[in-house]
PDB file of all heavy atoms in Angstrom:
ATOM      1  N   GLY A   1     182.164 -88.467 103.590  1.00  0.00           N
ATOM      2  CA  GLY A   1     181.084 -88.957 102.747  1.00  0.00           C
ATOM      3  C   GLY A   1     180.301 -87.835 102.114  1.00  0.00           C
ATOM      4  O   GLY A   1     179.905 -87.910 100.940  1.00  0.00           O
ATOM      5  N   ARG A   2     180.069 -86.772 102.871  1.00  0.00           N
ATOM      6  CA  ARG A   2     179.334 -85.632 102.319  1.00  0.00           C
ATOM      7  C   ARG A   2     180.153 -84.943 101.234  1.00  0.00           C
ATOM      8  O   ARG A   2     179.596 -84.431 100.256  1.00  0.00           O
ATOM      9  CB  ARG A   2     178.978 -84.662 103.434  1.00  0.00           C
ATOM     10  CG  ARG A   2     178.007 -85.260 104.459  1.00  0.00           C
ATOM     11  CD  ARG A   2     177.794 -84.300 105.613  1.00  0.00           C
ATOM     12  NE  ARG A   2     177.244 -83.029 105.137  1.00  0.00           N
ATOM     13  CZ  ARG A   2     177.127 -81.941 105.901  1.00  0.00           C
ATOM     14  NH1 ARG A   2     177.528 -81.974 107.177  1.00  0.00           N
ATOM     15  NH2 ARG A   2     176.609 -80.845 105.413  1.00  0.00           N
ATOM     16  N   ILE A   3     181.473 -84.897 101.417  1.00  0.00           N
ATOM     17  CA  ILE A   3     182.328 -84.268 100.397  1.00  0.00           C
ATOM     18  C   ILE A   3     182.337 -85.110  99.127  1.00  0.00           C
ATOM     19  O   ILE A   3     182.289 -84.577  98.007  1.00  0.00           O
ATOM     20  CB  ILE A   3     183.753 -84.064 100.948  1.00  0.00           C
ATOM     21  CG1 ILE A   3     183.743 -82.989 102.041  1.00  0.00           C
ATOM     22  CG2 ILE A   3     184.721 -83.673  99.832  1.00  0.00           C
ATOM     23  CD1 ILE A   3     185.053 -82.828 102.763  1.00  0.00           C
ATOM     24  N   ILE A   4     182.364 -86.465  99.312  1.00  0.00           N
ATOM     25  CA  ILE A   4     182.364 -87.332  98.134  1.00  0.00           C
ATOM     26  C   ILE A   4     181.034 -87.237  97.402  1.00  0.00           C
ATOM     27  O   ILE A   4     180.980 -87.116  96.182  1.00  0.00           O
ATOM     28  CB  ILE A   4     182.666 -88.786  98.553  1.00  0.00           C
ATOM     29  CG1 ILE A   4     184.107 -88.877  99.111  1.00  0.00           C
ATOM     30  CG2 ILE A   4     182.500 -89.727  97.369  1.00  0.00           C
ATOM     31  CD1 ILE A   4     184.421 -90.209  99.734  1.00  0.00           C
ATOM     32  N   GLY A   5     179.922 -87.233  98.145  1.00  0.00           N
ATOM     33  CA  GLY A   5     178.597 -87.121  97.540  1.00  0.00           C
ATOM     34  C   GLY A   5     178.110 -88.435  96.960  1.00  0.00           C
ATOM     35  O   GLY A   5     178.821 -89.440  96.923  1.00  0.00           O
ATOM     36  N   ARG A   6     176.875 -88.397  96.487  1.00  0.00           N
ATOM     37  CA  ARG A   6     176.284 -89.598  95.907  1.00  0.00           C
ATOM     38  C   ARG A   6     177.016 -89.966  94.618  1.00  0.00           C
ATOM     39  O   ARG A   6     177.110 -89.160  93.691  1.00  0.00           O
ATOM     40  CB  ARG A   6     174.813 -89.368  95.617  1.00  0.00           C
ATOM     41  CG  ARG A   6     174.073 -90.616  95.077  1.00  0.00           C
ATOM     42  CD  ARG A   6     172.623 -90.306  94.815  1.00  0.00           C
ATOM     43  NE  ARG A   6     171.962 -89.915  96.062  1.00  0.00           N
ATOM     44  CZ  ARG A   6     170.689 -89.488  96.120  1.00  0.00           C
ATOM     45  NH1 ARG A   6     169.984 -89.374  94.997  1.00  0.00           N
ATOM     46  NH2 ARG A   6     170.150 -89.142  97.278  1.00  0.00           N
ATOM     47  N   GLU A   7     177.558 -91.195  94.604  1.00  0.00           N
ATOM     48  CA  GLU A   7     178.311 -91.736  93.473  1.00  0.00           C
ATOM     49  C   GLU A   7     179.488 -90.834  93.096  1.00  0.00           C
ATOM     50  O   GLU A   7     179.920 -90.793  91.939  1.00  0.00           O
ATOM     51  CB  GLU A   7     177.391 -91.960  92.270  1.00  0.00           C
ATOM     52  CG  GLU A   7     176.286 -92.967  92.528  1.00  0.00           C
ATOM     53  CD  GLU A   7     175.368 -93.116  91.335  1.00  0.00           C
ATOM     54  OE1 GLU A   7     175.567 -92.355  90.348  1.00  0.00           O
ATOM     55  OE2 GLU A   7     174.469 -93.970  91.374  1.00  0.00           O
ATOM     56  N   GLY A   8     179.976 -90.064  94.082  1.00  0.00           N
ATOM     57  CA  GLY A   8     181.163 -89.238  93.869  1.00  0.00           C
ATOM     58  C   GLY A   8     180.921 -87.974  93.067  1.00  0.00           C
ATOM     59  O   GLY A   8     181.866 -87.352  92.564  1.00  0.00           O
ATOM     60  N   ARG A   9     179.678 -87.516  92.971  1.00  0.00           N
ATOM     61  CA  ARG A   9     179.406 -86.347  92.134  1.00  0.00           C
ATOM     62  C   ARG A   9     179.963 -85.066  92.735  1.00  0.00           C
ATOM     63  O   ARG A   9     180.404 -84.168  92.002  1.00  0.00           O
ATOM     64  CB  ARG A   9     177.905 -86.221  91.892  1.00  0.00           C
ATOM     65  CG  ARG A   9     177.080 -85.968  93.137  1.00  0.00           C
ATOM     66  CD  ARG A   9     175.615 -85.747  92.800  1.00  0.00           C
ATOM     67  NE  ARG A   9     174.868 -85.359  93.994  1.00  0.00           N
ATOM     68  CZ  ARG A   9     173.590 -85.003  93.955  1.00  0.00           C
ATOM     69  NH1 ARG A   9     172.935 -85.003  92.801  1.00  0.00           N
ATOM     70  NH2 ARG A   9     172.966 -84.648  95.073  1.00  0.00           N
ATOM     71  N   ASN A  10     179.937 -84.958  94.064  1.00  0.00           N
ATOM     72  CA  ASN A  10     180.461 -83.734  94.686  1.00  0.00           C
ATOM     73  C   ASN A  10     181.963 -83.598  94.461  1.00  0.00           C
ATOM     74  O   ASN A  10     182.465 -82.512  94.118  1.00  0.00           O
ATOM     75  CB  ASN A  10     180.154 -83.731  96.179  1.00  0.00           C
ATOM     76  CG  ASN A  10     178.684 -83.537  96.461  1.00  0.00           C
ATOM     77  OD1 ASN A  10     177.927 -83.134  95.572  1.00  0.00           O
ATOM     78  ND2 ASN A  10     178.252 -83.833  97.674  1.00  0.00           N
ATOM     79  N   ILE A  11     182.679 -84.694  94.664  1.00  0.00           N
ATOM     80  CA  ILE A  11     184.137 -84.605  94.528  1.00  0.00           C
ATOM     81  C   ILE A  11     184.527 -84.386  93.061  1.00  0.00           C
ATOM     82  O   ILE A  11     185.494 -83.672  92.758  1.00  0.00           O
ATOM     83  CB  ILE A  11     184.808 -85.869  95.121  1.00  0.00           C
ATOM     84  CG1 ILE A  11     186.291 -85.579  95.386  1.00  0.00           C
ATOM     85  CG2 ILE A  11     184.666 -87.087  94.220  1.00  0.00           C
ATOM     86  CD1 ILE A  11     186.963 -86.637  96.201  1.00  0.00           C
ATOM     87  N   ARG A  12     183.757 -84.949  92.117  1.00  0.00           N
ATOM     88  CA  ARG A  12     184.041 -84.700  90.697  1.00  0.00           C
ATOM     89  C   ARG A  12     183.764 -83.242  90.334  1.00  0.00           C
ATOM     90  O   ARG A  12     184.528 -82.621  89.582  1.00  0.00           O
ATOM     91  CB  ARG A  12     183.180 -85.634  89.838  1.00  0.00           C
ATOM     92  CG  ARG A  12     183.674 -87.083  89.808  1.00  0.00           C
ATOM     93  CD  ARG A  12     183.053 -87.851  88.633  1.00  0.00           C
ATOM     94  NE  ARG A  12     181.593 -87.873  88.700  1.00  0.00           N
ATOM     95  CZ  ARG A  12     180.890 -88.803  89.336  1.00  0.00           C
ATOM     96  NH1 ARG A  12     181.519 -89.785  89.978  1.00  0.00           N
ATOM     97  NH2 ARG A  12     179.557 -88.769  89.346  1.00  0.00           N
ATOM     98  N   ALA A  13     182.700 -82.702  90.865  1.00  0.00           N
ATOM     99  CA  ALA A  13     182.394 -81.281  90.605  1.00  0.00           C
ATOM    100  C   ALA A  13     183.477 -80.378  91.184  1.00  0.00           C
ATOM    101  O   ALA A  13     183.874 -79.378  90.558  1.00  0.00           O
ATOM    102  CB  ALA A  13     181.037 -80.927  91.199  1.00  0.00           C
ATOM    103  N   LEU A  14     183.965 -80.738  92.382  1.00  0.00           N
ATOM    104  CA  LEU A  14     185.022 -79.929  93.009  1.00  0.00           C
ATOM    105  C   LEU A  14     186.328 -80.012  92.216  1.00  0.00           C
ATOM    106  O   LEU A  14     187.022 -79.001  92.017  1.00  0.00           O
ATOM    107  CB  LEU A  14     185.236 -80.405  94.448  1.00  0.00           C
ATOM    108  CG  LEU A  14     186.096 -79.521  95.359  1.00  0.00           C
ATOM    109  CD1 LEU A  14     185.524 -78.120  95.431  1.00  0.00           C
ATOM    110  CD2 LEU A  14     186.177 -80.112  96.750  1.00  0.00           C
ATOM    111  N   GLU A  15     186.678 -81.206  91.753  1.00  0.00           N
ATOM    112  CA  GLU A  15     187.898 -81.355  90.952  1.00  0.00           C
ATOM    113  C   GLU A  15     187.773 -80.608  89.625  1.00  0.00           C
ATOM    114  O   GLU A  15     188.730 -79.972  89.169  1.00  0.00           O
ATOM    115  CB  GLU A  15     188.172 -82.844  90.705  1.00  0.00           C
ATOM    116  CG  GLU A  15     188.680 -83.590  91.934  1.00  0.00           C
ATOM    117  CD  GLU A  15     188.912 -85.065  91.653  1.00  0.00           C
ATOM    118  OE1 GLU A  15     188.377 -85.570  90.635  1.00  0.00           O
ATOM    119  OE2 GLU A  15     189.618 -85.709  92.445  1.00  0.00           O
ATOM    120  N   ALA A  16     186.597 -80.664  89.008  1.00  0.00           N
ATOM    121  CA  ALA A  16     186.403 -79.961  87.735  1.00  0.00           C
ATOM    122  C   ALA A  16     186.463 -78.448  87.917  1.00  0.00           C
ATOM    123  O   ALA A  16     186.994 -77.727  87.069  1.00  0.00           O
ATOM    124  CB  ALA A  16     185.066 -80.371  87.122  1.00  0.00           C
ATOM    125  N   ALA A  17     185.931 -77.955  89.018  1.00  0.00           N
ATOM    126  CA  ALA A  17     185.897 -76.499  89.245  1.00  0.00           C
ATOM    127  C   ALA A  17     187.262 -75.947  89.624  1.00  0.00           C
ATOM    128  O   ALA A  17     187.604 -74.817  89.269  1.00  0.00           O
ATOM    129  CB  ALA A  17     184.869 -76.172  90.327  1.00  0.00           C
ATOM    130  N   THR A  18     188.072 -76.715  90.373  1.00  0.00           N
ATOM    131  CA  THR A  18     189.358 -76.216  90.874  1.00  0.00           C
ATOM    132  C   THR A  18     190.549 -76.681  90.066  1.00  0.00           C
ATOM    133  O   THR A  18     191.615 -76.055  90.101  1.00  0.00           O
ATOM    134  CB  THR A  18     189.559 -76.638  92.333  1.00  0.00           C
ATOM    135  OG1 THR A  18     189.555 -78.078  92.410  1.00  0.00           O
ATOM    136  CG2 THR A  18     188.466 -76.071  93.218  1.00  0.00           C
ATOM    137  N   GLY A  19     190.412 -77.804  89.338  1.00  0.00           N
ATOM    138  CA  GLY A  19     191.548 -78.347  88.616  1.00  0.00           C
ATOM    139  C   GLY A  19     192.550 -79.044  89.509  1.00  0.00           C
ATOM    140  O   GLY A  19     193.708 -79.229  89.125  1.00  0.00           O
ATOM    141  N   ILE A  20     192.142 -79.446  90.708  1.00  0.00           N
ATOM    142  CA  ILE A  20     193.009 -80.097  91.692  1.00  0.00           C
ATOM    143  C   ILE A  20     192.503 -81.514  91.921  1.00  0.00           C
ATOM    144  O   ILE A  20     191.297 -81.763  91.994  1.00  0.00           O
ATOM    145  CB  ILE A  20     193.022 -79.295  93.011  1.00  0.00           C
ATOM    146  CG1 ILE A  20     193.683 -77.949  92.797  1.00  0.00           C
ATOM    147  CG2 ILE A  20     193.711 -80.061  94.122  1.00  0.00           C
ATOM    148  CD1 ILE A  20     195.145 -78.018  92.411  1.00  0.00           C
ATOM    149  N   GLU A  21     193.444 -82.438  92.054  1.00  0.00           N
ATOM    150  CA  GLU A  21     193.079 -83.813  92.372  1.00  0.00           C
ATOM    151  C   GLU A  21     192.838 -83.934  93.877  1.00  0.00           C
ATOM    152  O   GLU A  21     193.701 -83.570  94.679  1.00  0.00           O
ATOM    153  CB  GLU A  21     194.182 -84.774  91.940  1.00  0.00           C
ATOM    154  CG  GLU A  21     193.825 -86.224  92.190  1.00  0.00           C
ATOM    155  CD  GLU A  21     194.950 -87.177  91.815  1.00  0.00           C
ATOM    156  OE1 GLU A  21     196.002 -86.684  91.339  1.00  0.00           O
ATOM    157  OE2 GLU A  21     194.792 -88.390  92.009  1.00  0.00           O
ATOM    158  N   ILE A  22     191.665 -84.428  94.251  1.00  0.00           N
ATOM    159  CA  ILE A  22     191.286 -84.565  95.666  1.00  0.00           C
ATOM    160  C   ILE A  22     191.341 -86.051  96.018  1.00  0.00           C
ATOM    161  O   ILE A  22     190.632 -86.870  95.444  1.00  0.00           O
ATOM    162  CB  ILE A  22     189.890 -83.995  95.916  1.00  0.00           C
ATOM    163  CG1 ILE A  22     189.880 -82.498  95.549  1.00  0.00           C
ATOM    164  CG2 ILE A  22     189.476 -84.189  97.368  1.00  0.00           C
ATOM    165  CD1 ILE A  22     188.526 -81.863  95.613  1.00  0.00           C
ATOM    166  N   ILE A  23     192.225 -86.388  96.956  1.00  0.00           N
ATOM    167  CA  ILE A  23     192.468 -87.781  97.348  1.00  0.00           C
ATOM    168  C   ILE A  23     191.798 -88.031  98.695  1.00  0.00           C
ATOM    169  O   ILE A  23     192.196 -87.426  99.714  1.00  0.00           O
ATOM    170  CB  ILE A  23     193.970 -88.083  97.416  1.00  0.00           C
ATOM    171  CG1 ILE A  23     194.628 -87.791  96.059  1.00  0.00           C
ATOM    172  CG2 ILE A  23     194.217 -89.521  97.834  1.00  0.00           C
ATOM    173  CD1 ILE A  23     196.138 -87.845  96.079  1.00  0.00           C
ATOM    174  N   VAL A  24     190.805 -88.898  98.697  1.00  0.00           N
ATOM    175  CA  VAL A  24     190.116 -89.280  99.936  1.00  0.00           C
ATOM    176  C   VAL A  24     190.434 -90.757 100.185  1.00  0.00           C
ATOM    177  O   VAL A  24     189.956 -91.638  99.470  1.00  0.00           O
ATOM    178  CB  VAL A  24     188.592 -89.064  99.825  1.00  0.00           C
ATOM    179  CG1 VAL A  24     187.915 -89.441 101.136  1.00  0.00           C
ATOM    180  CG2 VAL A  24     188.286 -87.622  99.452  1.00  0.00           C
ATOM    181  N   ASP A  25     191.287 -91.019 101.168  1.00  0.00           N
ATOM    182  CA  ASP A  25     191.681 -92.403 101.444  1.00  0.00           C
ATOM    183  C   ASP A  25     191.379 -92.731 102.904  1.00  0.00           C
ATOM    184  O   ASP A  25     190.564 -92.057 103.563  1.00  0.00           O
ATOM    185  CB  ASP A  25     193.163 -92.611 101.108  1.00  0.00           C
ATOM    186  CG  ASP A  25     194.053 -91.583 101.786  1.00  0.00           C
ATOM    187  OD1 ASP A  25     193.569 -90.916 102.730  1.00  0.00           O
ATOM    188  OD2 ASP A  25     195.218 -91.421 101.389  1.00  0.00           O
ATOM    189  N   ASP A  26     192.070 -93.732 103.424  1.00  0.00           N
ATOM    190  CA  ASP A  26     191.811 -94.174 104.794  1.00  0.00           C
ATOM    191  C   ASP A  26     192.497 -93.315 105.850  1.00  0.00           C
ATOM    192  O   ASP A  26     192.412 -93.628 107.039  1.00  0.00           O
ATOM    193  CB  ASP A  26     192.277 -95.637 104.957  1.00  0.00           C
ATOM    194  CG  ASP A  26     191.465 -96.575 104.079  1.00  0.00           C
ATOM    195  OD1 ASP A  26     190.311 -96.218 103.769  1.00  0.00           O
ATOM    196  OD2 ASP A  26     191.993 -97.642 103.702  1.00  0.00           O
ATOM    197  N   THR A  27     193.172 -92.271 105.421  1.00  0.00           N
ATOM    198  CA  THR A  27     193.833 -91.395 106.409  1.00  0.00           C
ATOM    199  C   THR A  27     192.766 -90.748 107.289  1.00  0.00           C
ATOM    200  O   THR A  27     191.836 -90.118 106.789  1.00  0.00           O
ATOM    201  CB  THR A  27     194.643 -90.296 105.709  1.00  0.00           C
ATOM    202  OG1 THR A  27     195.543 -90.909 104.787  1.00  0.00           O
ATOM    203  CG2 THR A  27     195.415 -89.471 106.717  1.00  0.00           C
ATOM    204  N   PRO A  28     192.883 -90.913 108.600  1.00  0.00           N
ATOM    205  CA  PRO A  28     191.832 -90.384 109.478  1.00  0.00           C
ATOM    206  C   PRO A  28     191.831 -88.863 109.526  1.00  0.00           C
ATOM    207  O   PRO A  28     192.878 -88.233 109.635  1.00  0.00           O
ATOM    208  CB  PRO A  28     192.180 -90.974 110.853  1.00  0.00           C
ATOM    209  CG  PRO A  28     193.632 -91.274 110.787  1.00  0.00           C
ATOM    210  CD  PRO A  28     193.948 -91.629 109.365  1.00  0.00           C
ATOM    211  N   GLU A  29     190.610 -88.292 109.407  1.00  0.00           N
ATOM    212  CA  GLU A  29     190.374 -86.858 109.568  1.00  0.00           C
ATOM    213  C   GLU A  29     191.255 -86.007 108.658  1.00  0.00           C
ATOM    214  O   GLU A  29     191.776 -84.966 109.068  1.00  0.00           O
ATOM    215  CB  GLU A  29     190.584 -86.450 111.037  1.00  0.00           C
ATOM    216  CG  GLU A  29     189.631 -87.155 111.993  1.00  0.00           C
ATOM    217  CD  GLU A  29     189.850 -86.713 113.428  1.00  0.00           C
ATOM    218  OE1 GLU A  29     190.793 -85.929 113.646  1.00  0.00           O
ATOM    219  OE2 GLU A  29     189.091 -87.138 114.302  1.00  0.00           O
ATOM    220  N   ALA A  30     191.459 -86.449 107.431  1.00  0.00           N
ATOM    221  CA  ALA A  30     192.301 -85.675 106.512  1.00  0.00           C
ATOM    222  C   ALA A  30     191.915 -85.989 105.072  1.00  0.00           C
ATOM    223  O   ALA A  30     191.557 -87.114 104.733  1.00  0.00           O
ATOM    224  CB  ALA A  30     193.776 -85.979 106.733  1.00  0.00           C
ATOM    225  N   ILE A  31     191.984 -84.985 104.237  1.00  0.00           N
ATOM    226  CA  ILE A  31     191.795 -85.106 102.786  1.00  0.00           C
ATOM    227  C   ILE A  31     192.999 -84.436 102.126  1.00  0.00           C
ATOM    228  O   ILE A  31     193.404 -83.336 102.512  1.00  0.00           O
ATOM    229  CB  ILE A  31     190.489 -84.439 102.329  1.00  0.00           C
ATOM    230  CG1 ILE A  31     189.283 -85.197 102.886  1.00  0.00           C
ATOM    231  CG2 ILE A  31     190.403 -84.388 100.817  1.00  0.00           C
ATOM    232  CD1 ILE A  31     187.969 -84.532 102.572  1.00  0.00           C
ATOM    233  N   VAL A  32     193.587 -85.092 101.144  1.00  0.00           N
ATOM    234  CA  VAL A  32     194.788 -84.588 100.480  1.00  0.00           C
ATOM    235  C   VAL A  32     194.391 -83.888  99.181  1.00  0.00           C
ATOM    236  O   VAL A  32     193.674 -84.455  98.351  1.00  0.00           O
ATOM    237  CB  VAL A  32     195.780 -85.735 100.198  1.00  0.00           C
ATOM    238  CG1 VAL A  32     196.997 -85.199  99.450  1.00  0.00           C
ATOM    239  CG2 VAL A  32     196.206 -86.394 101.506  1.00  0.00           C
ATOM    240  N   LEU A  33     194.873 -82.650  99.037  1.00  0.00           N
ATOM    241  CA  LEU A  33     194.672 -81.882  97.798  1.00  0.00           C
ATOM    242  C   LEU A  33     195.998 -81.888  97.046  1.00  0.00           C
ATOM    243  O   LEU A  33     196.995 -81.348  97.540  1.00  0.00           O
ATOM    244  CB  LEU A  33     194.244 -80.443  98.103  1.00  0.00           C
ATOM    245  CG  LEU A  33     193.054 -80.291  99.067  1.00  0.00           C
ATOM    246  CD1 LEU A  33     192.793 -78.821  99.339  1.00  0.00           C
ATOM    247  CD2 LEU A  33     191.819 -80.953  98.491  1.00  0.00           C
TER     248      LEU A  33
END
C-alpha cells in the first residue's frame, strides 16, 4: 500500500522515473517488475 501510494501516485511516479511496468497483484509478499 505504501508503494502504491494515495490514488496510485507513488507507483505512477516510480514507473515514470524507471520506465518499468510495476505489477502489484494478489501475489503474497511480492511485486513484479
